C-alpha atoms as a PDB file:
ATOM      1  CA  MET A   1      -6.763   4.025  12.665  1.00  0.00           C
ATOM      2  CA  ASN A   2      -6.998   0.457  13.147  1.00  0.00           C
ATOM      3  CA  THR A   3      -3.902  -2.043  13.718  1.00  0.00           C
ATOM      4  CA  LEU A   4      -2.921  -5.323  12.079  1.00  0.00           C
ATOM      5  CA  THR A   5      -1.655  -8.292  13.794  1.00  0.00           C
ATOM      6  CA  ALA A   6       1.712  -9.633  12.694  1.00  0.00           C
ATOM      7  CA  THR A   7      -0.269 -12.266  10.861  1.00  0.00           C
ATOM      8  CA  ASP A   8      -2.382  -9.940   9.157  1.00  0.00           C
ATOM      9  CA  LEU A   9       0.636  -7.891   7.952  1.00  0.00           C
ATOM     10  CA  GLU A  10       2.137 -11.029   6.522  1.00  0.00           C
ATOM     11  CA  VAL A  11      -1.185 -11.841   4.608  1.00  0.00           C
ATOM     12  CA  VAL A  12      -0.990  -8.093   3.306  1.00  0.00           C
ATOM     13  CA  TYR A  13       2.709  -8.530   2.455  1.00  0.00           C
ATOM     14  CA  ASP A  14       1.948 -11.794   0.385  1.00  0.00           C
ATOM     15  CA  VAL A  15      -1.261 -10.187  -1.294  1.00  0.00           C
ATOM     16  CA  LEU A  16       0.756  -7.259  -2.228  1.00  0.00           C
ATOM     17  CA  ALA A  17       3.820  -9.432  -3.579  1.00  0.00           C
ATOM     18  CA  ASP A  18       1.471 -11.618  -5.593  1.00  0.00           C
ATOM     19  CA  ALA A  19      -0.346  -8.766  -7.090  1.00  0.00           C
ATOM     20  CA  LEU A  20       3.080  -7.035  -8.256  1.00  0.00           C
ATOM     21  CA  ASP A  21       3.971 -10.266  -9.833  1.00  0.00           C
ATOM     22  CA  GLN A  22       0.734 -10.354 -11.462  1.00  0.00           C
ATOM     23  CA  ALA A  23       0.744  -6.579 -12.834  1.00  0.00           C
ATOM     24  CA  THR A  24       4.251  -7.297 -14.413  1.00  0.00           C
ATOM     25  CA  PRO A  25       7.126  -4.965 -14.076  1.00  0.00           C
ATOM     26  CA  ALA A  26       5.855  -2.617 -16.861  1.00  0.00           C
ATOM     27  CA  LYS A  27       2.604  -2.098 -15.099  1.00  0.00           C
ATOM     28  CA  ALA A  28       3.767  -2.000 -11.510  1.00  0.00           C
ATOM     29  CA  GLU A  29       3.997   1.590 -10.975  1.00  0.00           C
ATOM     30  CA  LEU A  30       0.394   2.106 -12.283  1.00  0.00           C
ATOM     31  CA  PHE A  31      -0.649  -0.621 -10.045  1.00  0.00           C
ATOM     32  CA  LEU A  32       0.848   0.932  -7.117  1.00  0.00           C
ATOM     33  CA  ALA A  33      -0.571   4.335  -7.912  1.00  0.00           C
ATOM     34  CA  LYS A  34      -4.022   2.887  -8.262  1.00  0.00           C
ATOM     35  CA  LEU A  35      -3.569   0.755  -4.985  1.00  0.00           C
ATOM     36  CA  ALA A  36      -2.544   4.054  -3.146  1.00  0.00           C
ATOM     37  CA  LEU A  37      -5.511   5.964  -4.425  1.00  0.00           C
ATOM     38  CA  LEU A  38      -7.835   3.356  -3.461  1.00  0.00           C
ATOM     39  CA  SER A  39      -6.361   3.022  -0.118  1.00  0.00           C
ATOM     40  CA  ALA A  40      -6.605   6.697   0.525  1.00  0.00           C
ATOM     41  CA  HIS A  41     -10.231   6.417  -0.348  1.00  0.00           C
ATOM     42  CA  ALA A  42     -10.721   3.563   1.982  1.00  0.00           C
ATOM     43  CA  LEU A  43      -8.860   5.461   4.741  1.00  0.00           C
ATOM     44  CA  GLY A  44     -11.054   8.513   4.203  1.00  0.00           C
ATOM     45  CA  ASP A  45      -8.160  10.625   5.849  1.00  0.00           C
ATOM     46  CA  ALA A  46      -6.000  12.841   3.686  1.00  0.00           C
ATOM     47  CA  GLN A  47      -3.920  13.879   6.579  1.00  0.00           C
ATOM     48  CA  ALA A  48      -3.341  10.320   7.576  1.00  0.00           C
ATOM     49  CA  PHE A  49      -2.495   9.080   3.999  1.00  0.00           C
ATOM     50  CA  THR A  50       0.039  12.162   3.653  1.00  0.00           C
ATOM     51  CA  GLU A  51       1.950  10.993   6.917  1.00  0.00           C
ATOM     52  CA  LEU A  52       1.880   7.499   5.756  1.00  0.00           C
ATOM     53  CA  THR A  53       3.250   8.543   2.507  1.00  0.00           C
ATOM     54  CA  ARG A  54       6.058  10.681   4.202  1.00  0.00           C
ATOM     55  CA  SER A  55       6.752   7.499   6.558  1.00  0.00           C
ATOM     56  CA  ALA A  56       7.171   5.098   3.515  1.00  0.00           C
ATOM     57  CA  LEU A  57       9.609   7.553   1.945  1.00  0.00           C
ATOM     58  CA  GLN A  58      12.145   7.377   4.713  1.00  0.00           C
ATOM     59  CA  ASP A  59      15.131   5.276   4.249  1.00  0.00           C
ATOM     60  CA  LEU A  60      14.577   4.212   0.705  1.00  0.00           C
END
């Protein structure tokens, strides 16, 4: 798996924040589900996606 620089992560964060604003609160959940599926497809590794999902659930 490739890693991102701190600058790249800031860009990703900003893009995600802007996209969530554009989606509106009513569609944010649908947007996040679509983004997750597209990201999983791009990642091409179901096990890695599962591990990332579990990691994201920690400390919510």
